[in-house]
Amino acid sequence: MILEEYNQDLQTHHLSEPQRRWGSTWTDEKLDAFEKYVKAYLIILNKYKQQFGWRTVYIDAFAGSGSCGEEDLTGNDGSQSLFDPDVIEDFTIDNSYRGAAERVLGIEGKDPFDYYFFIDKEKNAIEGLEQMLREKNYLSGRNCYFSCTDANDQLRKISDSLSRSTNRALALLDPFGMQVEWSTIEALSRTHCDLWILVPSGVIINRLIKRDGTLLYPDKLTKFFGLSEDEICEIFYKKRVRKSLFEDVEDTVKISNATMQIAVVYLTQLKKVFECVIDEPLVLYNRRNVPIFHFVFASHNETAKKVASEIIARKKG
């Protein structure tokens, strides 16, 4: 009954809305999709929260300053030097950029979350975010908490309290790089949490899987995927036998569709710990139409997966 009414509410409040033009950059596309999901999420959660005694929690684990800036390009153990220049330009050029925090707190006509957690390890960034939101009067009457700490550590701590049956959470893991560790995903999977994750498939990870058969920053890759170095190599490299003048020579070569395979591998990993994982992620492209990120979704609720899937399908359509 709850799922049926959820779908009915979604048709009434969400899918019947005029479809506004999606943003011209990958940042707009990502946040537009997420904002649509938040609106749908609040419809059902707030309809039944009193009946079931639910407490709703929003988590932005890599909140930054709420603006596009160079501080968002750091913290990747030197791998930021591998970023596509087009991506960096797209990321810093938009003066009208509205980050996730401002979008979520600015949603009109929906009951708010009970608690909001904004996390970033950079002190200037998180203090800047709080100041900006306060100046725009987004914090009045809301339980908002700003934490300057490592997001992975904080998320694992929050997960302990979120595991209670009365808690319902929505988390956005939106770093520019590979800061999200697999152990954090596993901790969140043990909660009632819907999860959106930005996977830097083309912009970073593909560049760490080198064509010569070696991995750059292998420790970072293993922490990100939750796989061993050997498992990663087995997925992204294959053996090739070449004929030479005297004998056959075996080479190790990188697979041709590595960027897309990165998304497939991550989704496969998510399906090991979450019951409902989106099949087709939102693919984000740079100005040369090269895939650079995959925006993926995971939950323990089948209807939540359907909602996320439909939002992305409408974007593709």
C-alpha atoms as a PDB file:
ATOM      1  CA  MET A   1       0.000   0.000   0.000  1.00  0.00           C
ATOM      2  CA  ILE A   2       2.767   2.442   0.881  1.00  0.00           C
ATOM      3  CA  LEU A   3       4.567   1.841  -2.407  1.00  0.00           C
ATOM      4  CA  GLU A   4       1.375   2.259  -4.419  1.00  0.00           C
ATOM      5  CA  GLU A   5       0.619   5.563  -2.746  1.00  0.00           C
ATOM      6  CA  TYR A   6       4.229   6.628  -3.229  1.00  0.00           C
ATOM      7  CA  ASN A   7       3.900   6.147  -6.970  1.00  0.00           C
ATOM      8  CA  GLN A   8       0.589   8.008  -6.992  1.00  0.00           C
ATOM      9  CA  ASP A   9       2.076  10.930  -5.076  1.00  0.00           C
ATOM     10  CA  LEU A  10       5.050  10.991  -7.418  1.00  0.00           C
ATOM     11  CA  GLN A  11       2.789  11.188 -10.454  1.00  0.00           C
ATOM     12  CA  THR A  12       0.815  14.012  -8.882  1.00  0.00           C
ATOM     13  CA  HIS A  13       3.606  16.125  -7.435  1.00  0.00           C
ATOM     14  CA  HIS A  14       6.662  15.317  -9.478  1.00  0.00           C
ATOM     15  CA  LEU A  15       6.301  13.744 -12.886  1.00  0.00           C
ATOM     16  CA  SER A  16       3.433  16.007 -13.873  1.00  0.00           C
ATOM     17  CA  GLU A  17       5.592  19.087 -13.380  1.00  0.00           C
ATOM     18  CA  PRO A  18       6.696  20.837 -16.579  1.00  0.00           C
ATOM     19  CA  GLN A  19      10.140  19.546 -17.405  1.00  0.00           C
ATOM     20  CA  ARG A  20      12.498  22.486 -17.147  1.00  0.00           C
ATOM     21  CA  ARG A  21      15.577  22.663 -19.311  1.00  0.00           C
ATOM     22  CA  TRP A  22      18.497  20.747 -17.919  1.00  0.00           C
ATOM     23  CA  GLY A  23      21.684  22.667 -17.285  1.00  0.00           C
ATOM     24  CA  SER A  24      24.298  23.048 -19.970  1.00  0.00           C
ATOM     25  CA  THR A  25      27.146  21.704 -17.829  1.00  0.00           C
ATOM     26  CA  TRP A  26      27.680  18.417 -16.058  1.00  0.00           C
ATOM     27  CA  THR A  27      27.397  20.161 -12.686  1.00  0.00           C
ATOM     28  CA  ASP A  28      23.912  21.392 -13.568  1.00  0.00           C
ATOM     29  CA  GLU A  29      22.808  17.985 -14.810  1.00  0.00           C
ATOM     30  CA  LYS A  30      24.023  16.233 -11.688  1.00  0.00           C
ATOM     31  CA  LEU A  31      22.422  18.646  -9.244  1.00  0.00           C
ATOM     32  CA  ASP A  32      19.191  18.946 -11.213  1.00  0.00           C
ATOM     33  CA  ALA A  33      18.762  15.177 -11.015  1.00  0.00           C
ATOM     34  CA  PHE A  34      19.559  15.146  -7.321  1.00  0.00           C
ATOM     35  CA  GLU A  35      17.194  18.028  -6.551  1.00  0.00           C
ATOM     36  CA  LYS A  36      14.338  16.246  -8.310  1.00  0.00           C
ATOM     37  CA  TYR A  37      15.001  13.150  -6.261  1.00  0.00           C
ATOM     38  CA  VAL A  38      15.066  15.090  -2.992  1.00  0.00           C
ATOM     39  CA  LYS A  39      11.642  16.568  -3.765  1.00  0.00           C
ATOM     40  CA  ALA A  40      10.193  13.114  -4.438  1.00  0.00           C
ATOM     41  CA  TYR A  41      11.902  11.716  -1.337  1.00  0.00           C
ATOM     42  CA  LEU A  42      10.379  14.360   0.923  1.00  0.00           C
ATOM     43  CA  ILE A  43       6.887  13.747  -0.420  1.00  0.00           C
ATOM     44  CA  ILE A  44       6.707  10.174   0.802  1.00  0.00           C
ATOM     45  CA  LEU A  45       8.879  10.424   3.882  1.00  0.00           C
ATOM     46  CA  ASN A  46       6.984  13.353   5.319  1.00  0.00           C
ATOM     47  CA  LYS A  47       3.630  11.762   4.494  1.00  0.00           C
ATOM     48  CA  TYR A  48       4.361   8.719   6.649  1.00  0.00           C
ATOM     49  CA  LYS A  49       6.963   9.936   9.142  1.00  0.00           C
ATOM     50  CA  GLN A  50       4.443  10.734  11.860  1.00  0.00           C
ATOM     51  CA  GLN A  51       2.626   7.441  11.398  1.00  0.00           C
ATOM     52  CA  PHE A  52       5.806   5.374  11.716  1.00  0.00           C
ATOM     53  CA  GLY A  53       7.775   7.717  13.950  1.00  0.00           C
ATOM     54  CA  TRP A  54      10.479   8.283  11.375  1.00  0.00           C
ATOM     55  CA  ARG A  55      13.248  10.829  11.870  1.00  0.00           C
ATOM     56  CA  THR A  56      14.553  12.190   8.540  1.00  0.00           C
ATOM     57  CA  VAL A  57      18.206  13.068   8.047  1.00  0.00           C
ATOM     58  CA  TYR A  58      20.013  14.734   5.155  1.00  0.00           C
ATOM     59  CA  ILE A  59      23.785  14.310   4.783  1.00  0.00           C
ATOM     60  CA  ASP A  60      26.092  16.203   2.437  1.00  0.00           C
ATOM     61  CA  ALA A  61      29.416  14.557   3.126  1.00  0.00           C
ATOM     62  CA  PHE A  62      31.682  16.658   0.896  1.00  0.00           C
ATOM     63  CA  ALA A  63      29.814  19.901   1.157  1.00  0.00           C
ATOM     64  CA  GLY A  64      32.615  22.288   0.230  1.00  0.00           C
ATOM     65  CA  SER A  65      31.913  26.003   0.320  1.00  0.00           C
ATOM     66  CA  GLY A  66      28.708  25.783  -1.710  1.00  0.00           C
ATOM     67  CA  SER A  67      30.334  27.446  -4.717  1.00  0.00           C
ATOM     68  CA  CYS A  68      32.453  26.370  -7.658  1.00  0.00           C
ATOM     69  CA  GLY A  69      36.061  26.974  -6.756  1.00  0.00           C
ATOM     70  CA  GLU A  70      39.565  25.612  -6.797  1.00  0.00           C
ATOM     71  CA  GLU A  71      39.245  24.232  -3.257  1.00  0.00           C
ATOM     72  CA  ASP A  72      37.028  21.508  -4.740  1.00  0.00           C
ATOM     73  CA  LEU A  73      39.869  20.287  -6.947  1.00  0.00           C
ATOM     74  CA  THR A  74      42.193  19.273  -4.118  1.00  0.00           C
ATOM     75  CA  GLY A  75      42.629  16.323  -1.811  1.00  0.00           C
ATOM     76  CA  ASN A  76      43.373  13.567  -4.298  1.00  0.00           C
ATOM     77  CA  ASP A  77      46.948  12.659  -3.332  1.00  0.00           C
ATOM     78  CA  GLY A  78      48.371  14.444  -6.365  1.00  0.00           C
ATOM     79  CA  SER A  79      45.947  12.910  -8.840  1.00  0.00           C
ATOM     80  CA  GLN A  80      44.328  16.318  -9.421  1.00  0.00           C
ATOM     81  CA  SER A  81      47.125  16.890 -11.959  1.00  0.00           C
ATOM     82  CA  LEU A  82      45.361  14.306 -14.129  1.00  0.00           C
ATOM     83  CA  PHE A  83      42.082  16.231 -14.339  1.00  0.00           C
ATOM     84  CA  ASP A  84      40.745  17.021 -17.789  1.00  0.00           C
ATOM     85  CA  PRO A  85      41.309  20.797 -18.337  1.00  0.00           C
ATOM     86  CA  ASP A  86      37.798  21.073 -19.809  1.00  0.00           C
ATOM     87  CA  VAL A  87      36.349  19.704 -16.578  1.00  0.00           C
ATOM     88  CA  ILE A  88      38.220  22.209 -14.450  1.00  0.00           C
ATOM     89  CA  GLU A  89      37.030  25.063 -16.653  1.00  0.00           C
ATOM     90  CA  ASP A  90      33.425  23.838 -16.514  1.00  0.00           C
ATOM     91  CA  PHE A  91      33.734  23.492 -12.759  1.00  0.00           C
ATOM     92  CA  THR A  92      34.970  27.014 -12.087  1.00  0.00           C
ATOM     93  CA  ILE A  93      33.373  29.141 -14.784  1.00  0.00           C
ATOM     94  CA  ASP A  94      29.737  29.246 -13.654  1.00  0.00           C
ATOM     95  CA  ASN A  95      29.147  32.236 -11.398  1.00  0.00           C
ATOM     96  CA  SER A  96      25.462  31.332 -10.999  1.00  0.00           C
ATOM     97  CA  TYR A  97      26.264  27.908  -9.555  1.00  0.00           C
ATOM     98  CA  ARG A  98      24.018  26.755  -6.716  1.00  0.00           C
ATOM     99  CA  GLY A  99      25.443  23.868  -4.726  1.00  0.00           C
ATOM    100  CA  ALA A 100      23.527  20.957  -3.282  1.00  0.00           C
ATOM    101  CA  ALA A 101      23.205  22.525   0.168  1.00  0.00           C
ATOM    102  CA  GLU A 102      21.527  25.647  -1.175  1.00  0.00           C
ATOM    103  CA  ARG A 103      19.267  23.638  -3.453  1.00  0.00           C
ATOM    104  CA  VAL A 104      18.106  21.249  -0.716  1.00  0.00           C
ATOM    105  CA  LEU A 105      17.536  23.960   1.879  1.00  0.00           C
ATOM    106  CA  GLY A 106      15.805  26.095  -0.721  1.00  0.00           C
ATOM    107  CA  ILE A 107      13.204  23.522  -1.789  1.00  0.00           C
ATOM    108  CA  GLU A 108       9.783  25.129  -1.420  1.00  0.00           C
ATOM    109  CA  GLY A 109       6.488  23.465  -0.612  1.00  0.00           C
ATOM    110  CA  LYS A 110       8.037  20.442   1.067  1.00  0.00           C
ATOM    111  CA  ASP A 111       8.412  19.747   4.762  1.00  0.00           C
ATOM    112  CA  PRO A 112      12.116  19.864   5.617  1.00  0.00           C
ATOM    113  CA  PHE A 113      14.346  17.161   6.981  1.00  0.00           C
ATOM    114  CA  ASP A 114      14.571  16.901  10.745  1.00  0.00           C
ATOM    115  CA  TYR A 115      18.361  17.149  10.691  1.00  0.00           C
ATOM    116  CA  TYR A 116      20.969  18.327   8.191  1.00  0.00           C
ATOM    117  CA  PHE A 117      24.638  17.353   8.353  1.00  0.00           C
ATOM    118  CA  PHE A 118      27.210  19.183   6.234  1.00  0.00           C
ATOM    119  CA  ILE A 119      30.733  17.780   6.339  1.00  0.00           C
ATOM    120  CA  ASP A 120      34.012  18.901   4.823  1.00  0.00           C
ATOM    121  CA  LYS A 121      37.602  18.474   5.987  1.00  0.00           C
ATOM    122  CA  GLU A 122      38.576  21.968   4.804  1.00  0.00           C
ATOM    123  CA  LYS A 123      37.901  24.480   7.583  1.00  0.00           C
ATOM    124  CA  ASN A 124      37.599  27.492   5.281  1.00  0.00           C
ATOM    125  CA  ALA A 125      35.184  25.656   3.005  1.00  0.00           C
ATOM    126  CA  ILE A 126      32.756  24.464   5.671  1.00  0.00           C
ATOM    127  CA  GLU A 127      32.852  27.809   7.493  1.00  0.00           C
ATOM    128  CA  GLY A 128      32.226  29.567   4.187  1.00  0.00           C
ATOM    129  CA  LEU A 129      29.265  27.303   3.486  1.00  0.00           C
ATOM    130  CA  GLU A 130      27.712  27.989   6.871  1.00  0.00           C
ATOM    131  CA  GLN A 131      28.190  31.720   6.485  1.00  0.00           C
ATOM    132  CA  MET A 132      26.687  31.757   2.994  1.00  0.00           C
ATOM    133  CA  LEU A 133      23.647  29.736   4.044  1.00  0.00           C
ATOM    134  CA  ARG A 134      23.139  31.898   7.122  1.00  0.00           C
ATOM    135  CA  GLU A 135      23.329  35.114   5.103  1.00  0.00           C
ATOM    136  CA  LYS A 136      20.701  33.760   2.712  1.00  0.00           C
ATOM    137  CA  ASN A 137      18.474  32.826   5.671  1.00  0.00           C
ATOM    138  CA  TYR A 138      18.449  29.103   4.931  1.00  0.00           C
ATOM    139  CA  LEU A 139      19.331  28.047   8.474  1.00  0.00           C
ATOM    140  CA  SER A 140      16.538  29.708  10.416  1.00  0.00           C
ATOM    141  CA  GLY A 141      14.440  27.175  12.340  1.00  0.00           C
ATOM    142  CA  ARG A 142      16.421  24.190  11.073  1.00  0.00           C
ATOM    143  CA  ASN A 143      18.677  21.698  12.815  1.00  0.00           C
ATOM    144  CA  CYS A 144      21.804  22.134  10.720  1.00  0.00           C
ATOM    145  CA  TYR A 145      25.211  20.858  11.805  1.00  0.00           C
ATOM    146  CA  PHE A 146      28.501  21.777  10.149  1.00  0.00           C
ATOM    147  CA  SER A 147      31.466  19.531  10.788  1.00  0.00           C
ATOM    148  CA  CYS A 148      35.098  20.126   9.827  1.00  0.00           C
ATOM    149  CA  THR A 149      36.431  16.592   9.733  1.00  0.00           C
ATOM    150  CA  ASP A 150      37.219  13.683   7.443  1.00  0.00           C
ATOM    151  CA  ALA A 151      33.967  12.709   5.743  1.00  0.00           C
ATOM    152  CA  ASN A 152      34.674   8.977   5.798  1.00  0.00           C
ATOM    153  CA  ASP A 153      35.298   8.959   9.551  1.00  0.00           C
ATOM    154  CA  GLN A 154      32.224  11.066  10.232  1.00  0.00           C
ATOM    155  CA  LEU A 155      29.963   9.006   7.986  1.00  0.00           C
ATOM    156  CA  ARG A 156      30.986   5.801   9.704  1.00  0.00           C
ATOM    157  CA  LYS A 157      30.137   7.381  13.052  1.00  0.00           C
ATOM    158  CA  ILE A 158      26.793   8.681  11.800  1.00  0.00           C
ATOM    159  CA  SER A 159      25.981   5.255  10.372  1.00  0.00           C
ATOM    160  CA  ASP A 160      25.919   3.780  13.861  1.00  0.00           C
ATOM    161  CA  SER A 161      22.988   5.993  14.858  1.00  0.00           C
ATOM    162  CA  LEU A 162      21.281   5.747  11.467  1.00  0.00           C
ATOM    163  CA  SER A 163      21.021   1.978  11.842  1.00  0.00           C
ATOM    164  CA  ARG A 164      18.071   2.440  14.187  1.00  0.00           C
ATOM    165  CA  SER A 165      14.805   1.418  12.555  1.00  0.00           C
ATOM    166  CA  THR A 166      13.142   4.820  13.020  1.00  0.00           C
ATOM    167  CA  ASN A 167      15.802   6.754  11.084  1.00  0.00           C
ATOM    168  CA  ARG A 168      15.512   7.491   7.381  1.00  0.00           C
ATOM    169  CA  ALA A 169      18.418   9.204   5.659  1.00  0.00           C
ATOM    170  CA  LEU A 170      19.395  10.596   2.288  1.00  0.00           C
ATOM    171  CA  ALA A 171      23.111  11.062   1.649  1.00  0.00           C
ATOM    172  CA  LEU A 172      24.959  12.829  -1.132  1.00  0.00           C
ATOM    173  CA  LEU A 173      28.576  11.745  -1.621  1.00  0.00           C
ATOM    174  CA  ASP A 174      29.774  14.290  -4.126  1.00  0.00           C
ATOM    175  CA  PRO A 175      33.529  14.841  -3.946  1.00  0.00           C
ATOM    176  CA  PHE A 176      35.387  15.882  -7.054  1.00  0.00           C
ATOM    177  CA  GLY A 177      37.804  12.996  -6.637  1.00  0.00           C
ATOM    178  CA  MET A 178      38.076   9.549  -5.082  1.00  0.00           C
ATOM    179  CA  GLN A 179      37.737  10.433  -1.417  1.00  0.00           C
ATOM    180  CA  VAL A 180      34.807   8.060  -0.788  1.00  0.00           C
ATOM    181  CA  GLU A 181      36.182   4.835   0.678  1.00  0.00           C
ATOM    182  CA  TRP A 182      34.462   1.501   0.222  1.00  0.00           C
ATOM    183  CA  SER A 183      34.367   0.905   3.984  1.00  0.00           C
ATOM    184  CA  THR A 184      32.158   4.006   4.221  1.00  0.00           C
ATOM    185  CA  ILE A 185      29.769   2.600   1.631  1.00  0.00           C
ATOM    186  CA  GLU A 186      29.574  -0.643   3.580  1.00  0.00           C
ATOM    187  CA  ALA A 187      28.773   1.250   6.789  1.00  0.00           C
ATOM    188  CA  LEU A 188      25.983   3.211   5.092  1.00  0.00           C
ATOM    189  CA  SER A 189      24.581   0.036   3.564  1.00  0.00           C
ATOM    190  CA  ARG A 190      23.709  -1.165   7.062  1.00  0.00           C
ATOM    191  CA  THR A 191      21.330   1.781   7.518  1.00  0.00           C
ATOM    192  CA  HIS A 192      18.030   2.989   6.060  1.00  0.00           C
ATOM    193  CA  CYS A 193      19.847   5.365   3.749  1.00  0.00           C
ATOM    194  CA  ASP A 194      19.315   6.321   0.123  1.00  0.00           C
ATOM    195  CA  LEU A 195      22.637   7.151  -1.436  1.00  0.00           C
ATOM    196  CA  TRP A 196      23.771   9.198  -4.441  1.00  0.00           C
ATOM    197  CA  ILE A 197      27.475   8.912  -5.304  1.00  0.00           C
ATOM    198  CA  LEU A 198      29.544  10.769  -7.894  1.00  0.00           C
ATOM    199  CA  VAL A 199      32.026   8.338  -9.450  1.00  0.00           C
ATOM    200  CA  PRO A 200      34.975  10.096 -11.184  1.00  0.00           C
ATOM    201  CA  SER A 201      35.151   7.382 -13.819  1.00  0.00           C
ATOM    202  CA  GLY A 202      36.683   9.235 -16.744  1.00  0.00           C
ATOM    203  CA  VAL A 203      38.128  12.321 -15.128  1.00  0.00           C
ATOM    204  CA  ILE A 204      40.367  10.466 -12.654  1.00  0.00           C
ATOM    205  CA  ILE A 205      40.001   6.680 -12.324  1.00  0.00           C
ATOM    206  CA  ASN A 206      40.501   5.907 -16.001  1.00  0.00           C
ATOM    207  CA  ARG A 207      43.747   7.863 -15.889  1.00  0.00           C
ATOM    208  CA  LEU A 208      44.979   5.885 -12.899  1.00  0.00           C
ATOM    209  CA  ILE A 209      44.554   2.648 -14.849  1.00  0.00           C
ATOM    210  CA  LYS A 210      47.517   3.128 -17.144  1.00  0.00           C
ATOM    211  CA  ARG A 211      47.825   1.666 -20.606  1.00  0.00           C
ATOM    212  CA  ASP A 212      51.143   0.000 -19.793  1.00  0.00           C
ATOM    213  CA  GLY A 213      49.448  -2.440 -17.408  1.00  0.00           C
ATOM    214  CA  THR A 214      50.271  -0.651 -14.161  1.00  0.00           C
ATOM    215  CA  LEU A 215      48.064   1.134 -11.659  1.00  0.00           C
ATOM    216  CA  LEU A 216      48.790   4.661 -10.479  1.00  0.00           C
ATOM    217  CA  TYR A 217      47.890   5.134  -6.787  1.00  0.00           C
ATOM    218  CA  PRO A 218      46.856   1.464  -6.350  1.00  0.00           C
ATOM    219  CA  ASP A 219      46.043   1.956  -2.652  1.00  0.00           C
ATOM    220  CA  LYS A 220      43.540   4.661  -3.568  1.00  0.00           C
ATOM    221  CA  LEU A 221      41.939   2.416  -6.184  1.00  0.00           C
ATOM    222  CA  THR A 222      41.590  -0.519  -3.793  1.00  0.00           C
ATOM    223  CA  LYS A 223      40.036   1.672  -1.090  1.00  0.00           C
ATOM    224  CA  PHE A 224      37.621   3.160  -3.607  1.00  0.00           C
ATOM    225  CA  PHE A 225      36.427  -0.082  -5.227  1.00  0.00           C
ATOM    226  CA  GLY A 226      36.703  -2.421  -2.260  1.00  0.00           C
ATOM    227  CA  LEU A 227      38.708  -4.767  -4.481  1.00  0.00           C
ATOM    228  CA  SER A 228      42.276  -6.015  -4.352  1.00  0.00           C
ATOM    229  CA  GLU A 229      44.921  -4.752  -6.744  1.00  0.00           C
ATOM    230  CA  ASP A 230      44.939  -8.123  -8.518  1.00  0.00           C
ATOM    231  CA  GLU A 231      41.149  -8.041  -8.920  1.00  0.00           C
ATOM    232  CA  ILE A 232      41.282  -4.559 -10.426  1.00  0.00           C
ATOM    233  CA  CYS A 233      44.006  -5.561 -12.871  1.00  0.00           C
ATOM    234  CA  GLU A 234      42.093  -8.666 -13.890  1.00  0.00           C
ATOM    235  CA  ILE A 235      39.067  -6.523 -14.769  1.00  0.00           C
ATOM    236  CA  PHE A 236      40.797  -3.742 -16.676  1.00  0.00           C
ATOM    237  CA  TYR A 237      43.650  -5.543 -18.388  1.00  0.00           C
ATOM    238  CA  LYS A 238      43.794  -8.491 -20.747  1.00  0.00           C
ATOM    239  CA  LYS A 239      46.573 -10.562 -22.224  1.00  0.00           C
ATOM    240  CA  ARG A 240      47.441 -10.245 -25.917  1.00  0.00           C
ATOM    241  CA  VAL A 241      49.762 -12.495 -27.864  1.00  0.00           C
ATOM    242  CA  ARG A 242      51.794 -10.883 -30.643  1.00  0.00           C
ATOM    243  CA  LYS A 243      53.684 -12.672 -33.345  1.00  0.00           C
ATOM    244  CA  SER A 244      57.384 -11.803 -33.514  1.00  0.00           C
ATOM    245  CA  LEU A 245      60.153 -12.990 -35.775  1.00  0.00           C
ATOM    246  CA  PHE A 246      61.318 -15.739 -33.438  1.00  0.00           C
ATOM    247  CA  GLU A 247      58.518 -16.375 -30.919  1.00  0.00           C
ATOM    248  CA  ASP A 248      55.126 -15.265 -29.699  1.00  0.00           C
ATOM    249  CA  VAL A 249      55.189 -12.342 -27.252  1.00  0.00           C
ATOM    250  CA  GLU A 250      52.531 -11.864 -24.581  1.00  0.00           C
ATOM    251  CA  ASP A 251      51.547  -8.282 -23.730  1.00  0.00           C
ATOM    252  CA  THR A 252      49.248  -6.800 -21.102  1.00  0.00           C
ATOM    253  CA  VAL A 253      46.814  -4.292 -22.634  1.00  0.00           C
ATOM    254  CA  LYS A 254      44.110  -2.099 -21.163  1.00  0.00           C
ATOM    255  CA  ILE A 255      40.523  -2.838 -22.201  1.00  0.00           C
ATOM    256  CA  SER A 256      39.072  -0.411 -24.740  1.00  0.00           C
ATOM    257  CA  ASN A 257      35.932   0.646 -22.836  1.00  0.00           C
ATOM    258  CA  ALA A 258      37.553   1.292 -19.449  1.00  0.00           C
ATOM    259  CA  THR A 259      35.550   4.393 -18.487  1.00  0.00           C
ATOM    260  CA  MET A 260      32.210   2.672 -18.890  1.00  0.00           C
ATOM    261  CA  GLN A 261      33.550  -0.492 -17.267  1.00  0.00           C
ATOM    262  CA  ILE A 262      34.538   1.543 -14.212  1.00  0.00           C
ATOM    263  CA  ALA A 263      30.873   2.421 -13.700  1.00  0.00           C
ATOM    264  CA  VAL A 264      29.835  -1.198 -14.229  1.00  0.00           C
ATOM    265  CA  VAL A 265      32.333  -2.424 -11.650  1.00  0.00           C
ATOM    266  CA  TYR A 266      31.224   0.136  -9.087  1.00  0.00           C
ATOM    267  CA  LEU A 267      27.561  -0.719  -9.598  1.00  0.00           C
ATOM    268  CA  THR A 268      28.400  -4.412  -9.257  1.00  0.00           C
ATOM    269  CA  GLN A 269      30.124  -3.700  -5.960  1.00  0.00           C
ATOM    270  CA  LEU A 270      27.169  -1.658  -4.735  1.00  0.00           C
ATOM    271  CA  LYS A 271      24.796  -4.529  -5.498  1.00  0.00           C
ATOM    272  CA  LYS A 272      26.743  -6.692  -3.052  1.00  0.00           C
ATOM    273  CA  VAL A 273      25.743  -4.463  -0.127  1.00  0.00           C
ATOM    274  CA  PHE A 274      22.574  -2.651  -1.271  1.00  0.00           C
ATOM    275  CA  GLU A 275      19.391  -4.425  -2.337  1.00  0.00           C
ATOM    276  CA  CYS A 276      18.306  -1.814  -4.900  1.00  0.00           C
ATOM    277  CA  VAL A 277      20.954  -0.268  -7.138  1.00  0.00           C
ATOM    278  CA  ILE A 278      20.247   1.712 -10.268  1.00  0.00           C
ATOM    279  CA  ASP A 279      21.031  -0.143 -13.505  1.00  0.00           C
ATOM    280  CA  GLU A 280      21.709   2.893 -15.692  1.00  0.00           C
ATOM    281  CA  PRO A 281      23.604   5.723 -13.982  1.00  0.00           C
ATOM    282  CA  LEU A 282      23.533   9.326 -15.106  1.00  0.00           C
ATOM    283  CA  VAL A 283      26.523   9.777 -17.413  1.00  0.00           C
ATOM    284  CA  LEU A 284      28.066  13.246 -17.249  1.00  0.00           C
ATOM    285  CA  TYR A 285      30.073  14.532 -20.207  1.00  0.00           C
ATOM    286  CA  ASN A 286      32.593  17.300 -20.729  1.00  0.00           C
ATOM    287  CA  ARG A 287      32.369  19.877 -23.516  1.00  0.00           C
ATOM    288  CA  ARG A 288      33.967  17.436 -25.968  1.00  0.00           C
ATOM    289  CA  ASN A 289      31.238  14.891 -25.227  1.00  0.00           C
ATOM    290  CA  VAL A 290      33.628  12.579 -23.381  1.00  0.00           C
ATOM    291  CA  PRO A 291      32.178  10.754 -20.322  1.00  0.00           C
ATOM    292  CA  ILE A 292      33.889  12.032 -17.181  1.00  0.00           C
ATOM    293  CA  PHE A 293      31.607  11.083 -14.274  1.00  0.00           C
ATOM    294  CA  HIS A 294      28.869   8.578 -13.473  1.00  0.00           C
ATOM    295  CA  PHE A 295      26.231   9.593 -10.932  1.00  0.00           C
ATOM    296  CA  VAL A 296      24.948   6.412  -9.281  1.00  0.00           C
ATOM    297  CA  PHE A 297      22.193   5.557  -6.815  1.00  0.00           C
ATOM    298  CA  ALA A 298      21.750   2.845  -4.182  1.00  0.00           C
ATOM    299  CA  SER A 299      19.030   2.067  -1.663  1.00  0.00           C
ATOM    300  CA  HIS A 300      17.245  -0.764   0.107  1.00  0.00           C
ATOM    301  CA  ASN A 301      13.913   0.384  -1.307  1.00  0.00           C
ATOM    302  CA  GLU A 302      12.771  -0.777  -4.739  1.00  0.00           C
ATOM    303  CA  THR A 303      10.499   2.211  -5.281  1.00  0.00           C
ATOM    304  CA  ALA A 304      13.361   4.574  -4.503  1.00  0.00           C
ATOM    305  CA  LYS A 305      15.368   2.858  -7.220  1.00  0.00           C
ATOM    306  CA  LYS A 306      12.474   3.252  -9.673  1.00  0.00           C
ATOM    307  CA  VAL A 307      12.193   6.955  -8.871  1.00  0.00           C
ATOM    308  CA  ALA A 308      15.915   7.528  -9.428  1.00  0.00           C
ATOM    309  CA  SER A 309      15.817   5.461 -12.624  1.00  0.00           C
ATOM    310  CA  GLU A 310      12.912   7.450 -14.020  1.00  0.00           C
ATOM    311  CA  ILE A 311      14.604  10.768 -13.288  1.00  0.00           C
ATOM    312  CA  ILE A 312      17.658   9.645 -15.214  1.00  0.00           C
ATOM    313  CA  ALA A 313      15.580   8.128 -18.024  1.00  0.00           C
ATOM    314  CA  ARG A 314      13.747  11.425 -18.486  1.00  0.00           C
ATOM    315  CA  LYS A 315      17.106  13.159 -18.748  1.00  0.00           C
ATOM    316  CA  LYS A 316      18.248  10.753 -21.434  1.00  0.00           C
ATOM    317  CA  GLY A 317      14.943  11.126 -23.270  1.00  0.00           C
END
